[in-house]
Amino acid sequence: MTIKKTAALITVVAGISMNLMFQGSLAAGGSNDWELKQLHDPSPSLRKMESAGRVTIYDGVVVADVDAAMDRQFDRIESMMFIRTKYPVADGTFEADSDCD
């Protein structure tokens, strides 16, 4: 095996390892402040990309934020997609929509 192939293999293995280490915390969605800011107060560059056809996928947003975006950002609806929307349940936590319907 050449040095170039060995280095590529090490890079791939390191990338996979990092993904596996942080996958749980990323999936838990500890903080999606940047996503909510982008949803409710998009930057001029995002608006420009949306006008060119870009669609942003918002993952795990609380249903109240989705409803607010639909009301206040109506002109952007074609550029937004919501998956695993979180709905409040009786015990005060949130349950994510499975999106498998």
C-alpha atoms as a PDB file:
ATOM      1  CA  MET A   1       0.000   0.000   0.000  1.00  0.00           C
ATOM      2  CA  THR A   2       1.418   3.394  -0.945  1.00  0.00           C
ATOM      3  CA  ILE A   3       1.766   6.335   1.422  1.00  0.00           C
ATOM      4  CA  LYS A   4      -0.947   8.213  -0.497  1.00  0.00           C
ATOM      5  CA  LYS A   5      -3.427   5.340  -0.143  1.00  0.00           C
ATOM      6  CA  THR A   6      -2.522   4.869   3.531  1.00  0.00           C
ATOM      7  CA  ALA A   7      -3.086   8.586   4.217  1.00  0.00           C
ATOM      8  CA  ALA A   8      -6.441   8.465   2.418  1.00  0.00           C
ATOM      9  CA  LEU A   9      -7.485   5.408   4.429  1.00  0.00           C
ATOM     10  CA  ILE A  10      -6.495   7.065   7.714  1.00  0.00           C
ATOM     11  CA  THR A  11      -8.462  10.192   6.756  1.00  0.00           C
ATOM     12  CA  VAL A  12     -11.580   8.165   5.944  1.00  0.00           C
ATOM     13  CA  VAL A  13     -11.346   6.133   9.151  1.00  0.00           C
ATOM     14  CA  ALA A  14     -10.819   9.303  11.209  1.00  0.00           C
ATOM     15  CA  GLY A  15     -13.835  10.932   9.559  1.00  0.00           C
ATOM     16  CA  ILE A  16     -16.051   7.933  10.237  1.00  0.00           C
ATOM     17  CA  SER A  17     -14.828   7.778  13.845  1.00  0.00           C
ATOM     18  CA  MET A  18     -15.594  11.464  14.432  1.00  0.00           C
ATOM     19  CA  ASN A  19     -19.037  11.042  12.885  1.00  0.00           C
ATOM     20  CA  LEU A  20     -19.811   8.096  15.152  1.00  0.00           C
ATOM     21  CA  MET A  21     -18.549   9.915  18.257  1.00  0.00           C
ATOM     22  CA  PHE A  22     -20.665  13.019  17.697  1.00  0.00           C
ATOM     23  CA  GLN A  23     -23.666  11.516  15.918  1.00  0.00           C
ATOM     24  CA  GLY A  24     -25.686  11.119  19.110  1.00  0.00           C
ATOM     25  CA  SER A  25     -25.220  14.687  20.261  1.00  0.00           C
ATOM     26  CA  LEU A  26     -25.967  16.039  16.809  1.00  0.00           C
ATOM     27  CA  ALA A  27     -29.107  13.936  16.487  1.00  0.00           C
ATOM     28  CA  ALA A  28     -30.275  14.999  19.936  1.00  0.00           C
ATOM     29  CA  GLY A  29     -30.330  18.535  18.645  1.00  0.00           C
ATOM     30  CA  GLY A  30     -28.881  20.111  21.752  1.00  0.00           C
ATOM     31  CA  SER A  31     -29.163  23.563  20.258  1.00  0.00           C
ATOM     32  CA  ASN A  32     -30.691  24.666  17.011  1.00  0.00           C
ATOM     33  CA  ASP A  33     -30.416  28.421  17.630  1.00  0.00           C
ATOM     34  CA  TRP A  34     -28.733  28.996  14.271  1.00  0.00           C
ATOM     35  CA  GLU A  35     -31.539  27.109  12.548  1.00  0.00           C
ATOM     36  CA  LEU A  36     -34.248  29.170  14.257  1.00  0.00           C
ATOM     37  CA  LYS A  37     -32.413  32.394  13.412  1.00  0.00           C
ATOM     38  CA  GLN A  38     -32.177  31.283   9.793  1.00  0.00           C
ATOM     39  CA  LEU A  39     -35.870  30.389   9.821  1.00  0.00           C
ATOM     40  CA  HIS A  40     -37.183  33.571  11.420  1.00  0.00           C
ATOM     41  CA  ASP A  41     -34.558  36.108  10.340  1.00  0.00           C
ATOM     42  CA  PRO A  42     -32.871  34.903   7.133  1.00  0.00           C
ATOM     43  CA  SER A  43     -29.730  36.656   5.954  1.00  0.00           C
ATOM     44  CA  PRO A  44     -29.721  38.531   2.648  1.00  0.00           C
ATOM     45  CA  SER A  45     -27.474  35.826   1.184  1.00  0.00           C
ATOM     46  CA  LEU A  46     -29.948  33.081   2.168  1.00  0.00           C
ATOM     47  CA  ARG A  47     -32.816  35.070   0.646  1.00  0.00           C
ATOM     48  CA  LYS A  48     -30.797  35.405  -2.565  1.00  0.00           C
ATOM     49  CA  MET A  49     -30.113  31.648  -2.659  1.00  0.00           C
ATOM     50  CA  GLU A  50     -33.797  30.927  -2.007  1.00  0.00           C
ATOM     51  CA  SER A  51     -34.813  33.186  -4.886  1.00  0.00           C
ATOM     52  CA  ALA A  52     -32.520  31.058  -7.064  1.00  0.00           C
ATOM     53  CA  GLY A  53     -34.336  27.875  -5.966  1.00  0.00           C
ATOM     54  CA  ARG A  54     -32.557  26.723  -2.812  1.00  0.00           C
ATOM     55  CA  VAL A  55     -34.702  24.816  -0.313  1.00  0.00           C
ATOM     56  CA  THR A  56     -33.612  24.682   3.326  1.00  0.00           C
ATOM     57  CA  ILE A  57     -34.548  21.606   5.348  1.00  0.00           C
ATOM     58  CA  TYR A  58     -35.367  22.402   8.977  1.00  0.00           C
ATOM     59  CA  ASP A  59     -34.981  19.327  11.163  1.00  0.00           C
ATOM     60  CA  GLY A  60     -36.628  18.922  14.579  1.00  0.00           C
ATOM     61  CA  VAL A  61     -38.183  22.375  14.876  1.00  0.00           C
ATOM     62  CA  VAL A  62     -40.981  22.812  17.434  1.00  0.00           C
ATOM     63  CA  VAL A  63     -44.425  23.082  15.818  1.00  0.00           C
ATOM     64  CA  ALA A  64     -44.971  26.578  17.284  1.00  0.00           C
ATOM     65  CA  ASP A  65     -41.897  27.818  15.387  1.00  0.00           C
ATOM     66  CA  VAL A  66     -43.117  26.130  12.208  1.00  0.00           C
ATOM     67  CA  ASP A  67     -46.516  27.814  12.559  1.00  0.00           C
ATOM     68  CA  ALA A  68     -44.883  31.193  13.234  1.00  0.00           C
ATOM     69  CA  ALA A  69     -42.688  30.832  10.162  1.00  0.00           C
ATOM     70  CA  MET A  70     -45.689  29.909   8.028  1.00  0.00           C
ATOM     71  CA  ASP A  71     -47.512  33.021   9.253  1.00  0.00           C
ATOM     72  CA  ARG A  72     -44.644  35.536   9.196  1.00  0.00           C
ATOM     73  CA  GLN A  73     -42.510  34.187   6.339  1.00  0.00           C
ATOM     74  CA  PHE A  74     -45.290  33.258   3.933  1.00  0.00           C
ATOM     75  CA  ASP A  75     -43.315  34.479   0.928  1.00  0.00           C
ATOM     76  CA  ARG A  76     -40.614  31.875   1.709  1.00  0.00           C
ATOM     77  CA  ILE A  77     -42.831  28.786   2.034  1.00  0.00           C
ATOM     78  CA  GLU A  78     -41.581  27.290  -1.231  1.00  0.00           C
ATOM     79  CA  SER A  79     -38.027  27.458   0.149  1.00  0.00           C
ATOM     80  CA  MET A  80     -38.727  25.678   3.448  1.00  0.00           C
ATOM     81  CA  MET A  81     -39.083  21.995   4.244  1.00  0.00           C
ATOM     82  CA  PHE A  82     -39.757  20.715   7.771  1.00  0.00           C
ATOM     83  CA  ILE A  83     -38.895  17.196   8.914  1.00  0.00           C
ATOM     84  CA  ARG A  84     -39.249  15.503  12.305  1.00  0.00           C
ATOM     85  CA  THR A  85     -41.339  18.413  13.611  1.00  0.00           C
ATOM     86  CA  LYS A  86     -41.613  18.329  17.413  1.00  0.00           C
ATOM     87  CA  TYR A  87     -45.083  18.367  19.019  1.00  0.00           C
ATOM     88  CA  PRO A  88     -45.697  18.965  22.737  1.00  0.00           C
ATOM     89  CA  VAL A  89     -47.026  16.045  24.787  1.00  0.00           C
ATOM     90  CA  ALA A  90     -48.849  15.996  28.122  1.00  0.00           C
ATOM     91  CA  ASP A  91     -45.727  15.406  30.256  1.00  0.00           C
ATOM     92  CA  GLY A  92     -44.112  18.641  29.000  1.00  0.00           C
ATOM     93  CA  THR A  93     -41.670  17.033  26.620  1.00  0.00           C
ATOM     94  CA  PHE A  94     -41.828  16.929  22.840  1.00  0.00           C
ATOM     95  CA  GLU A  95     -42.464  14.064  20.482  1.00  0.00           C
ATOM     96  CA  ALA A  96     -41.007  14.219  16.980  1.00  0.00           C
ATOM     97  CA  ASP A  97     -43.081  13.423  13.934  1.00  0.00           C
ATOM     98  CA  SER A  98     -41.710  10.302  12.236  1.00  0.00           C
ATOM     99  CA  ASP A  99     -42.410  11.636   8.701  1.00  0.00           C
ATOM    100  CA  CYS A 100     -43.113   8.087   7.554  1.00  0.00           C
ATOM    101  CA  ASP A 101     -46.752   8.610   6.593  1.00  0.00           C
END
